[in-house]
Amino acid sequence: MFRIATLAACSALALGVALPAQAAGEAATAAKTAAKTAAVSKAKSKVSKAAKPAPAAAAPAPLTESQLAVAKRVHTGQADCEFDQHVDVEPVAGREGAFSVGFKKAKYTMVPEDTTTGAVRLEDKKAGVMWLQIANKSMLMNSKIGQRMVDNCVHAAQK
């Protein structure tokens, strides 16, 4: 009988199958190890959160010559849009080629992006918002979801 039990235990180990008594002991050991690991990682995360200073705001990348050329074609001022809404486009002081685009209570800092169509495109990549200006109208889009925020915006120069 002893041989059969020993043979069964050896076969179980070779196949990676735990016997009931062995499984209970291993489960208790694994639970203790997991609890210790969780406590240590929680303590480390508290230390690392407290030790890290707030990241400094990165300076914006300088604009290319083509982006600066696009910036010269941007219509600034108020554009009247559908449903009695309006968008304000103003240059950002101290940042050549950057624009502040205001819609409702939100303001977006946008820079020109090159296009193959000749349209003027300003984009705030962080917010996922884009101002698109063509010959006869402009629109503000949420480029993350591909939806227009406001359309049929007409600046005085587009009338």
Protein backbone atom coordinates (compact mmCIF):
# COMPACT_ATOMS: atom_id res chain seq x y z
CA MET A 1 0.00 0.00 0.00
CA PHE A 2 2.89 2.34 0.84
CA ARG A 3 4.32 1.81 -2.67
CA ILE A 4 1.06 2.83 -4.34
CA ALA A 5 0.77 6.01 -2.25
CA THR A 6 4.41 6.89 -2.95
CA LEU A 7 3.97 6.15 -6.65
CA ALA A 8 0.82 8.33 -6.75
CA ALA A 9 2.63 11.21 -5.01
CA CYS A 10 5.60 10.99 -7.43
CA SER A 11 3.28 10.87 -10.44
CA ALA A 12 1.33 13.86 -9.18
CA LEU A 13 4.52 15.88 -8.70
CA ALA A 14 5.80 14.92 -12.15
CA LEU A 15 2.55 16.05 -13.74
CA GLY A 16 2.41 19.26 -11.69
CA VAL A 17 -0.72 18.17 -9.84
CA ALA A 18 -0.80 18.83 -6.10
CA LEU A 19 -2.18 16.36 -3.63
CA PRO A 20 -4.95 17.70 -1.33
CA ALA A 21 -2.74 18.06 1.77
CA GLN A 22 0.08 19.58 -0.25
CA ALA A 23 -2.30 21.97 -2.06
CA ALA A 24 -3.67 23.30 1.23
CA GLY A 25 -0.16 24.02 2.53
CA GLU A 26 0.92 25.68 -0.73
CA ALA A 27 -2.24 27.80 -0.84
CA ALA A 28 -1.60 29.11 2.67
CA THR A 29 2.03 29.91 1.81
CA ALA A 30 0.99 31.62 -1.44
CA ALA A 31 -1.60 33.71 0.40
CA LYS A 32 0.97 34.85 2.97
CA THR A 33 3.47 35.73 0.23
CA ALA A 34 0.82 37.67 -1.72
CA ALA A 35 -0.18 39.62 1.39
CA LYS A 36 3.45 40.55 2.10
CA THR A 37 4.03 41.58 -1.52
CA ALA A 38 0.90 43.75 -1.53
CA ALA A 39 1.92 45.45 1.72
CA VAL A 40 5.44 46.15 0.42
CA SER A 41 4.21 47.50 -2.94
CA LYS A 42 1.61 49.68 -1.20
CA ALA A 43 4.30 51.14 1.05
CA LYS A 44 6.59 51.72 -1.96
CA SER A 45 3.81 53.49 -3.88
CA LYS A 46 3.18 55.82 -0.92
CA VAL A 47 6.88 56.65 -0.76
CA SER A 48 7.17 57.17 -4.51
CA LYS A 49 4.06 59.38 -4.63
CA ALA A 50 5.39 61.59 -1.86
CA ALA A 51 8.93 61.73 -3.27
CA LYS A 52 8.04 62.75 -6.83
CA PRO A 53 7.75 66.49 -7.45
CA ALA A 54 5.10 67.75 -9.84
CA PRO A 55 6.35 67.60 -13.44
CA ALA A 56 7.27 70.95 -14.91
CA ALA A 57 5.26 72.10 -17.91
CA ALA A 58 7.18 71.24 -21.03
CA ALA A 59 8.00 74.11 -23.33
CA PRO A 60 6.10 73.91 -26.61
CA ALA A 61 8.09 72.77 -29.60
CA PRO A 62 9.10 75.56 -31.99
CA LEU A 63 6.93 75.84 -35.09
CA THR A 64 8.24 75.02 -38.55
CA GLU A 65 8.37 77.54 -41.38
CA SER A 66 5.34 75.94 -43.04
CA GLN A 67 3.35 76.17 -39.79
CA LEU A 68 4.26 79.85 -39.46
CA ALA A 69 3.13 80.38 -43.08
CA VAL A 70 -0.24 78.79 -42.26
CA ALA A 71 -0.53 80.99 -39.14
CA LYS A 72 -0.42 84.11 -41.33
CA ARG A 73 -3.64 82.99 -43.07
CA VAL A 74 -5.69 82.48 -39.87
CA HIS A 75 -8.66 84.85 -39.52
CA THR A 76 -8.59 86.31 -36.01
CA GLY A 77 -11.48 87.82 -34.13
CA GLN A 78 -15.03 86.63 -33.66
CA ALA A 79 -16.67 84.21 -36.08
CA ASP A 80 -20.47 83.94 -35.99
CA CYS A 81 -21.73 80.36 -36.14
CA GLU A 82 -24.99 78.43 -36.42
CA PHE A 83 -27.54 78.53 -33.58
CA ASP A 84 -26.39 82.02 -32.48
CA GLN A 85 -23.06 80.71 -31.25
CA HIS A 86 -19.66 82.26 -31.83
CA VAL A 87 -15.98 81.36 -31.69
CA ASP A 88 -13.19 83.76 -30.79
CA VAL A 89 -9.76 83.24 -32.37
CA GLU A 90 -6.93 85.37 -31.00
CA PRO A 91 -3.13 85.12 -31.26
CA VAL A 92 -1.34 84.03 -28.08
CA ALA A 93 0.98 86.76 -26.80
CA GLY A 94 4.61 85.65 -26.72
CA ARG A 95 4.08 82.52 -28.83
CA GLU A 96 4.43 83.20 -32.51
CA GLY A 97 1.98 81.14 -34.55
CA ALA A 98 -0.11 79.96 -31.57
CA PHE A 99 -3.77 80.89 -31.19
CA SER A 100 -6.31 80.88 -28.40
CA VAL A 101 -9.65 79.57 -29.64
CA GLY A 102 -12.60 80.19 -27.34
CA PHE A 103 -15.97 78.47 -27.62
CA LYS A 104 -18.64 78.72 -24.92
CA LYS A 105 -16.62 78.73 -21.66
CA ALA A 106 -13.66 76.69 -22.98
CA LYS A 107 -10.39 78.02 -24.36
CA TYR A 108 -8.00 75.95 -26.43
CA THR A 109 -4.40 76.83 -27.29
CA MET A 110 -3.88 75.73 -30.88
CA VAL A 111 -1.03 75.65 -33.36
CA PRO A 112 -1.25 75.39 -37.15
CA GLU A 113 -0.85 72.01 -38.82
CA ASP A 114 0.08 71.41 -42.44
CA THR A 115 -2.64 70.23 -44.82
CA THR A 116 -2.51 69.00 -48.39
CA THR A 117 -5.76 70.76 -49.33
CA GLY A 118 -4.76 74.32 -48.52
CA ALA A 119 -7.25 74.58 -45.67
CA VAL A 120 -6.12 76.24 -42.46
CA ARG A 121 -6.10 73.76 -39.59
CA LEU A 122 -5.36 74.72 -35.99
CA GLU A 123 -5.09 71.90 -33.49
CA ASP A 124 -4.88 71.41 -29.73
CA LYS A 125 -3.66 67.82 -29.61
CA LYS A 126 -3.85 67.58 -25.83
CA ALA A 127 -7.55 68.48 -25.77
CA GLY A 128 -8.28 66.72 -29.07
CA VAL A 129 -9.91 69.80 -30.62
CA MET A 130 -9.38 71.21 -34.12
CA TRP A 131 -10.36 74.50 -35.82
CA LEU A 132 -10.76 74.08 -39.57
CA GLN A 133 -10.96 77.17 -41.77
CA ILE A 134 -11.79 76.98 -45.48
CA ALA A 135 -12.63 79.75 -47.95
CA ASN A 136 -16.32 80.21 -47.08
CA LYS A 137 -16.70 78.88 -43.50
CA SER A 138 -14.95 77.43 -40.46
CA MET A 139 -15.81 74.76 -37.90
CA LEU A 140 -14.64 73.51 -34.52
CA MET A 141 -14.32 69.74 -34.21
CA ASN A 142 -13.65 67.24 -31.47
CA SER A 143 -11.08 65.14 -33.31
CA LYS A 144 -11.08 62.40 -30.65
CA ILE A 145 -14.63 61.37 -31.50
CA GLY A 146 -14.85 62.94 -34.98
CA GLN A 147 -17.79 65.18 -34.13
CA ARG A 148 -18.44 68.83 -34.94
CA MET A 149 -18.75 71.03 -31.88
CA VAL A 150 -19.95 74.01 -33.92
CA ASP A 151 -20.28 74.50 -37.69
CA ASN A 152 -20.98 77.19 -40.28
CA CYS A 153 -18.79 79.75 -38.53
CA VAL A 154 -18.25 82.79 -40.74
CA HIS A 155 -15.64 85.44 -40.06
CA ALA A 156 -15.98 88.91 -41.61
CA ALA A 157 -13.22 88.02 -44.10
CA GLN A 158 -15.18 84.95 -45.25
CA LYS A 159 -18.38 86.84 -46.16
